[in-house]
């Protein structure tokens, strides 16, 4: 079984992925942030490094999805291959931070990869307001995220909502995280687990 968690920067994807992996005894596949050689450069000079960064993420996630299906294990994945292509890359292109040539090249690569992978059995979307995202980003204190603007987060949120509205690749569970604290509050985590149980039971 392949479960994936989607959501904007700071929505709580990685934390929830780890908590659910522990609860269900699933294997967690986390986003490659630590070893990503482009992140620092990208946040300092977006226009120069946007294409490189997006191709790196695309390659990393494509490899992940192939391994997930091949492994035959129950896996929960932090962020999906679709978010790069439907949210992050088009947003950079629209902001003038990725050229038409690079965006067309990127889109062609994604379309090829998408034709070779299966969608997750269940997609969990963490919906969050901008103030909540900003709060979470400041709380975790990653240096390279200090320069993320509210405008950038707002643009991403709009694209996330549009993508989720039209998502039709499989089961979808939307969780509003603004009023939840699934780290400190066991009841909040329990509520999420109950919703996931209902969805998983519907898969069989």
C-alpha atoms as a PDB file:
ATOM      1  CA  UNK A   1       0.000   0.000   0.000  1.00  0.00           C
ATOM      2  CA  UNK A   2       1.234   3.459  -0.932  1.00  0.00           C
ATOM      3  CA  UNK A   3       0.027   6.427   1.141  1.00  0.00           C
ATOM      4  CA  UNK A   4       1.286   9.936   0.350  1.00  0.00           C
ATOM      5  CA  UNK A   5       1.032  13.219   2.247  1.00  0.00           C
ATOM      6  CA  UNK A   6       0.778  16.472   0.304  1.00  0.00           C
ATOM      7  CA  UNK A   7       0.782  20.073   1.503  1.00  0.00           C
ATOM      8  CA  UNK A   8       2.489  23.429   1.401  1.00  0.00           C
ATOM      9  CA  UNK A   9       5.845  24.252   3.036  1.00  0.00           C
ATOM     10  CA  UNK A  10       5.337  24.104   6.820  1.00  0.00           C
ATOM     11  CA  UNK A  11       2.011  22.232   6.756  1.00  0.00           C
ATOM     12  CA  UNK A  12       3.401  19.371   8.872  1.00  0.00           C
ATOM     13  CA  UNK A  13       3.920  16.682   6.213  1.00  0.00           C
ATOM     14  CA  UNK A  14       7.189  15.253   7.515  1.00  0.00           C
ATOM     15  CA  UNK A  15       6.052  15.185  11.149  1.00  0.00           C
ATOM     16  CA  UNK A  16       2.750  13.481  10.313  1.00  0.00           C
ATOM     17  CA  UNK A  17       4.518  11.034   7.983  1.00  0.00           C
ATOM     18  CA  UNK A  18       6.787   9.954  10.840  1.00  0.00           C
ATOM     19  CA  UNK A  19       3.934   9.699  13.368  1.00  0.00           C
ATOM     20  CA  UNK A  20       1.766   7.617  11.044  1.00  0.00           C
ATOM     21  CA  UNK A  21       4.695   5.386  10.050  1.00  0.00           C
ATOM     22  CA  UNK A  22       5.260   4.646  13.731  1.00  0.00           C
ATOM     23  CA  UNK A  23       1.552   4.016  14.433  1.00  0.00           C
ATOM     24  CA  UNK A  24       0.861   1.753  11.434  1.00  0.00           C
ATOM     25  CA  UNK A  25       4.364   0.214  11.253  1.00  0.00           C
ATOM     26  CA  UNK A  26       4.684   1.589   7.720  1.00  0.00           C
ATOM     27  CA  UNK A  27       8.003   2.503   6.145  1.00  0.00           C
ATOM     28  CA  UNK A  28       8.479   6.273   5.845  1.00  0.00           C
ATOM     29  CA  UNK A  29       9.898   7.791   2.658  1.00  0.00           C
ATOM     30  CA  UNK A  30      10.964  11.344   3.484  1.00  0.00           C
ATOM     31  CA  UNK A  31      11.738  14.242   1.194  1.00  0.00           C
ATOM     32  CA  UNK A  32      15.411  14.619   0.300  1.00  0.00           C
ATOM     33  CA  UNK A  33      16.032  18.015   1.927  1.00  0.00           C
ATOM     34  CA  UNK A  34      19.266  17.376   3.812  1.00  0.00           C
ATOM     35  CA  UNK A  35      21.241  16.027   0.841  1.00  0.00           C
ATOM     36  CA  UNK A  36      19.730  18.341  -1.766  1.00  0.00           C
ATOM     37  CA  UNK A  37      22.716  20.212  -3.275  1.00  0.00           C
ATOM     38  CA  UNK A  38      20.569  23.006  -4.775  1.00  0.00           C
ATOM     39  CA  UNK A  39      18.339  24.224  -1.931  1.00  0.00           C
ATOM     40  CA  UNK A  40      20.634  26.867  -0.427  1.00  0.00           C
ATOM     41  CA  UNK A  41      21.542  28.230  -3.858  1.00  0.00           C
ATOM     42  CA  UNK A  42      17.908  28.254  -4.942  1.00  0.00           C
ATOM     43  CA  UNK A  43      16.659  30.338  -2.019  1.00  0.00           C
ATOM     44  CA  UNK A  44      19.520  32.805  -2.527  1.00  0.00           C
ATOM     45  CA  UNK A  45      19.141  33.059  -6.318  1.00  0.00           C
ATOM     46  CA  UNK A  46      15.834  31.531  -7.438  1.00  0.00           C
ATOM     47  CA  UNK A  47      16.013  32.491 -11.096  1.00  0.00           C
ATOM     48  CA  UNK A  48      19.418  30.883 -11.598  1.00  0.00           C
ATOM     49  CA  UNK A  49      18.718  27.614  -9.789  1.00  0.00           C
ATOM     50  CA  UNK A  50      14.963  26.965 -10.184  1.00  0.00           C
ATOM     51  CA  UNK A  51      15.286  24.502 -13.086  1.00  0.00           C
ATOM     52  CA  UNK A  52      18.154  22.584 -11.462  1.00  0.00           C
ATOM     53  CA  UNK A  53      16.256  22.288  -8.187  1.00  0.00           C
ATOM     54  CA  UNK A  54      13.024  21.106  -9.799  1.00  0.00           C
ATOM     55  CA  UNK A  55      14.789  18.490 -11.925  1.00  0.00           C
ATOM     56  CA  UNK A  56      16.628  17.238  -8.829  1.00  0.00           C
ATOM     57  CA  UNK A  57      13.339  16.854  -6.926  1.00  0.00           C
ATOM     58  CA  UNK A  58      11.643  15.224  -9.918  1.00  0.00           C
ATOM     59  CA  UNK A  59      14.438  12.685 -10.309  1.00  0.00           C
ATOM     60  CA  UNK A  60      14.458  11.975  -6.565  1.00  0.00           C
ATOM     61  CA  UNK A  61      10.685  11.448  -6.357  1.00  0.00           C
ATOM     62  CA  UNK A  62      10.476   9.406  -9.557  1.00  0.00           C
ATOM     63  CA  UNK A  63      13.099   7.068  -8.112  1.00  0.00           C
ATOM     64  CA  UNK A  64      11.138   6.922  -4.837  1.00  0.00           C
ATOM     65  CA  UNK A  65       7.841   5.990  -6.509  1.00  0.00           C
ATOM     66  CA  UNK A  66       9.468   3.235  -8.586  1.00  0.00           C
ATOM     67  CA  UNK A  67      11.078   1.800  -5.426  1.00  0.00           C
ATOM     68  CA  UNK A  68       7.801   2.014  -3.485  1.00  0.00           C
ATOM     69  CA  UNK A  69       5.915  -0.148  -6.001  1.00  0.00           C
ATOM     70  CA  UNK A  70       8.833  -2.530  -6.450  1.00  0.00           C
ATOM     71  CA  UNK A  71       9.281  -3.075  -2.703  1.00  0.00           C
ATOM     72  CA  UNK A  72       5.788  -4.466  -2.106  1.00  0.00           C
ATOM     73  CA  UNK A  73       5.876  -2.847   1.360  1.00  0.00           C
ATOM     74  CA  UNK A  74       3.349  -0.549   3.016  1.00  0.00           C
ATOM     75  CA  UNK A  75       4.941   2.864   2.568  1.00  0.00           C
ATOM     76  CA  UNK A  76       3.985   6.409   3.531  1.00  0.00           C
ATOM     77  CA  UNK A  77       5.601   9.131   1.433  1.00  0.00           C
ATOM     78  CA  UNK A  78       6.319  12.732   2.389  1.00  0.00           C
ATOM     79  CA  UNK A  79       5.223  14.822  -0.650  1.00  0.00           C
ATOM     80  CA  UNK A  80       4.349  13.471  -4.109  1.00  0.00           C
ATOM     81  CA  UNK A  81       5.783  13.684  -7.604  1.00  0.00           C
ATOM     82  CA  UNK A  82       2.642  15.622  -8.644  1.00  0.00           C
ATOM     83  CA  UNK A  83       3.285  18.607  -6.380  1.00  0.00           C
ATOM     84  CA  UNK A  84       6.489  19.606  -8.152  1.00  0.00           C
ATOM     85  CA  UNK A  85       4.835  19.558 -11.569  1.00  0.00           C
ATOM     86  CA  UNK A  86       1.449  21.018 -10.607  1.00  0.00           C
ATOM     87  CA  UNK A  87       2.498  23.561  -7.992  1.00  0.00           C
ATOM     88  CA  UNK A  88       6.175  24.419  -7.598  1.00  0.00           C
ATOM     89  CA  UNK A  89       7.454  24.446 -11.196  1.00  0.00           C
ATOM     90  CA  UNK A  90       4.404  26.276 -12.682  1.00  0.00           C
ATOM     91  CA  UNK A  91       4.610  28.798  -9.851  1.00  0.00           C
ATOM     92  CA  UNK A  92       8.290  29.529 -10.569  1.00  0.00           C
ATOM     93  CA  UNK A  93       7.457  29.832 -14.261  1.00  0.00           C
ATOM     94  CA  UNK A  94       4.542  32.215 -13.588  1.00  0.00           C
ATOM     95  CA  UNK A  95       6.761  34.362 -11.340  1.00  0.00           C
ATOM     96  CA  UNK A  96       9.336  34.686 -14.132  1.00  0.00           C
ATOM     97  CA  UNK A  97      11.842  32.590 -12.181  1.00  0.00           C
ATOM     98  CA  UNK A  98      11.938  29.761 -14.751  1.00  0.00           C
ATOM     99  CA  UNK A  99      12.243  30.393 -18.483  1.00  0.00           C
ATOM    100  CA  UNK A 100       9.678  29.095 -21.003  1.00  0.00           C
ATOM    101  CA  UNK A 101      12.342  26.823 -22.468  1.00  0.00           C
ATOM    102  CA  UNK A 102      13.221  25.287 -19.092  1.00  0.00           C
ATOM    103  CA  UNK A 103       9.572  24.930 -18.083  1.00  0.00           C
ATOM    104  CA  UNK A 104       8.671  23.157 -21.341  1.00  0.00           C
ATOM    105  CA  UNK A 105      11.656  20.845 -20.915  1.00  0.00           C
ATOM    106  CA  UNK A 106      10.684  20.131 -17.303  1.00  0.00           C
ATOM    107  CA  UNK A 107       7.014  19.509 -18.191  1.00  0.00           C
ATOM    108  CA  UNK A 108       7.972  17.095 -20.968  1.00  0.00           C
ATOM    109  CA  UNK A 109      10.193  15.159 -18.542  1.00  0.00           C
ATOM    110  CA  UNK A 110       7.420  15.008 -15.933  1.00  0.00           C
ATOM    111  CA  UNK A 111       4.824  13.794 -18.453  1.00  0.00           C
ATOM    112  CA  UNK A 112       7.133  10.954 -19.459  1.00  0.00           C
ATOM    113  CA  UNK A 113       7.757   9.987 -15.817  1.00  0.00           C
ATOM    114  CA  UNK A 114       4.070  10.242 -14.893  1.00  0.00           C
ATOM    115  CA  UNK A 115       3.180   7.752 -17.633  1.00  0.00           C
ATOM    116  CA  UNK A 116       5.434   5.197 -15.924  1.00  0.00           C
ATOM    117  CA  UNK A 117       4.259   5.497 -12.297  1.00  0.00           C
ATOM    118  CA  UNK A 118       1.091   4.683 -10.376  1.00  0.00           C
ATOM    119  CA  UNK A 119      -0.673   7.184  -8.139  1.00  0.00           C
ATOM    120  CA  UNK A 120      -0.764   6.569  -4.374  1.00  0.00           C
ATOM    121  CA  UNK A 121      -3.600   4.418  -3.048  1.00  0.00           C
ATOM    122  CA  UNK A 122      -4.493   7.258  -0.708  1.00  0.00           C
ATOM    123  CA  UNK A 123      -3.463  10.913  -0.878  1.00  0.00           C
ATOM    124  CA  UNK A 124      -3.695  12.930   2.350  1.00  0.00           C
ATOM    125  CA  UNK A 125      -3.750  16.690   1.793  1.00  0.00           C
ATOM    126  CA  UNK A 126      -2.869  18.921   4.739  1.00  0.00           C
ATOM    127  CA  UNK A 127      -4.742  22.192   4.254  1.00  0.00           C
ATOM    128  CA  UNK A 128      -3.282  25.173   6.105  1.00  0.00           C
ATOM    129  CA  UNK A 129      -3.695  28.948   6.278  1.00  0.00           C
ATOM    130  CA  UNK A 130      -0.734  31.228   5.556  1.00  0.00           C
ATOM    131  CA  UNK A 131      -0.343  32.428   9.208  1.00  0.00           C
ATOM    132  CA  UNK A 132      -0.119  28.807  10.354  1.00  0.00           C
ATOM    133  CA  UNK A 133       2.484  27.978   7.683  1.00  0.00           C
ATOM    134  CA  UNK A 134       4.594  31.025   8.610  1.00  0.00           C
ATOM    135  CA  UNK A 135       4.421  30.085  12.281  1.00  0.00           C
ATOM    136  CA  UNK A 136       5.532  26.500  11.600  1.00  0.00           C
ATOM    137  CA  UNK A 137       8.360  27.588   9.277  1.00  0.00           C
ATOM    138  CA  UNK A 138       9.736  30.009  11.895  1.00  0.00           C
ATOM    139  CA  UNK A 139       9.380  27.362  14.599  1.00  0.00           C
ATOM    140  CA  UNK A 140      11.607  24.842  12.803  1.00  0.00           C
ATOM    141  CA  UNK A 141      14.211  27.501  11.963  1.00  0.00           C
ATOM    142  CA  UNK A 142      15.814  26.227   8.778  1.00  0.00           C
ATOM    143  CA  UNK A 143      18.252  28.918   7.588  1.00  0.00           C
ATOM    144  CA  UNK A 144      17.439  28.564   3.893  1.00  0.00           C
ATOM    145  CA  UNK A 145      13.706  29.057   4.581  1.00  0.00           C
ATOM    146  CA  UNK A 146      14.185  32.484   6.210  1.00  0.00           C
ATOM    147  CA  UNK A 147      13.834  34.227   2.862  1.00  0.00           C
ATOM    148  CA  UNK A 148      10.484  32.619   1.921  1.00  0.00           C
ATOM    149  CA  UNK A 149       7.980  35.437   1.442  1.00  0.00           C
ATOM    150  CA  UNK A 150       4.288  35.427   2.370  1.00  0.00           C
ATOM    151  CA  UNK A 151       3.509  36.185  -1.283  1.00  0.00           C
ATOM    152  CA  UNK A 152       5.397  33.037  -2.362  1.00  0.00           C
ATOM    153  CA  UNK A 153       3.521  30.883   0.188  1.00  0.00           C
ATOM    154  CA  UNK A 154       0.186  32.414  -0.865  1.00  0.00           C
ATOM    155  CA  UNK A 155       0.825  31.627  -4.515  1.00  0.00           C
ATOM    156  CA  UNK A 156       1.682  28.034  -3.601  1.00  0.00           C
ATOM    157  CA  UNK A 157      -1.454  27.711  -1.470  1.00  0.00           C
ATOM    158  CA  UNK A 158      -3.651  28.871  -4.360  1.00  0.00           C
ATOM    159  CA  UNK A 159      -2.073  26.297  -6.649  1.00  0.00           C
ATOM    160  CA  UNK A 160      -2.445  23.547  -4.041  1.00  0.00           C
ATOM    161  CA  UNK A 161      -6.161  24.286  -3.688  1.00  0.00           C
ATOM    162  CA  UNK A 162      -6.659  24.281  -7.471  1.00  0.00           C
ATOM    163  CA  UNK A 163      -4.755  20.994  -7.834  1.00  0.00           C
ATOM    164  CA  UNK A 164      -6.619  19.269  -5.005  1.00  0.00           C
ATOM    165  CA  UNK A 165      -9.953  20.502  -6.372  1.00  0.00           C
ATOM    166  CA  UNK A 166      -9.286  18.627  -9.607  1.00  0.00           C
ATOM    167  CA  UNK A 167      -7.439  15.610  -8.152  1.00  0.00           C
ATOM    168  CA  UNK A 168      -8.905  12.384  -9.566  1.00  0.00           C
ATOM    169  CA  UNK A 169      -6.089   9.839  -9.454  1.00  0.00           C
ATOM    170  CA  UNK A 170      -7.332   7.933  -6.412  1.00  0.00           C
ATOM    171  CA  UNK A 171      -8.677   8.274  -2.895  1.00  0.00           C
ATOM    172  CA  UNK A 172      -8.219  11.684  -1.291  1.00  0.00           C
ATOM    173  CA  UNK A 173      -8.441  12.718   2.361  1.00  0.00           C
ATOM    174  CA  UNK A 174      -8.321  16.445   3.186  1.00  0.00           C
ATOM    175  CA  UNK A 175      -7.291  17.427   6.715  1.00  0.00           C
ATOM    176  CA  UNK A 176      -7.513  21.042   7.921  1.00  0.00           C
ATOM    177  CA  UNK A 177      -4.485  21.412  10.181  1.00  0.00           C
ATOM    178  CA  UNK A 178      -4.915  24.998  11.455  1.00  0.00           C
ATOM    179  CA  UNK A 179      -6.685  23.966  14.658  1.00  0.00           C
ATOM    180  CA  UNK A 180      -4.860  20.666  15.132  1.00  0.00           C
ATOM    181  CA  UNK A 181      -1.750  19.892  17.129  1.00  0.00           C
ATOM    182  CA  UNK A 182      -1.099  16.264  16.253  1.00  0.00           C
ATOM    183  CA  UNK A 183       2.333  16.376  17.900  1.00  0.00           C
ATOM    184  CA  UNK A 184       1.299  17.421  21.422  1.00  0.00           C
ATOM    185  CA  UNK A 185      -2.358  16.400  21.405  1.00  0.00           C
ATOM    186  CA  UNK A 186      -3.011  12.648  21.176  1.00  0.00           C
ATOM    187  CA  UNK A 187      -6.718  13.246  20.511  1.00  0.00           C
ATOM    188  CA  UNK A 188      -5.896  15.294  17.414  1.00  0.00           C
ATOM    189  CA  UNK A 189      -3.620  12.527  16.113  1.00  0.00           C
ATOM    190  CA  UNK A 190      -6.269   9.934  16.996  1.00  0.00           C
ATOM    191  CA  UNK A 191      -8.859  11.838  14.978  1.00  0.00           C
ATOM    192  CA  UNK A 192      -6.596  11.794  11.926  1.00  0.00           C
ATOM    193  CA  UNK A 193      -5.903   8.072  12.380  1.00  0.00           C
ATOM    194  CA  UNK A 194      -9.662   7.345  12.552  1.00  0.00           C
ATOM    195  CA  UNK A 195     -10.197   9.169   9.249  1.00  0.00           C
ATOM    196  CA  UNK A 196      -7.319   7.264   7.632  1.00  0.00           C
ATOM    197  CA  UNK A 197      -8.673   3.940   8.947  1.00  0.00           C
ATOM    198  CA  UNK A 198     -12.016   4.674   7.275  1.00  0.00           C
ATOM    199  CA  UNK A 199     -10.281   5.411   3.975  1.00  0.00           C
ATOM    200  CA  UNK A 200      -7.979   2.366   4.154  1.00  0.00           C
ATOM    201  CA  UNK A 201     -10.903   0.065   4.937  1.00  0.00           C
ATOM    202  CA  UNK A 202     -12.564   1.404   1.798  1.00  0.00           C
ATOM    203  CA  UNK A 203      -9.555   0.318  -0.271  1.00  0.00           C
ATOM    204  CA  UNK A 204     -10.185  -3.371   0.367  1.00  0.00           C
END
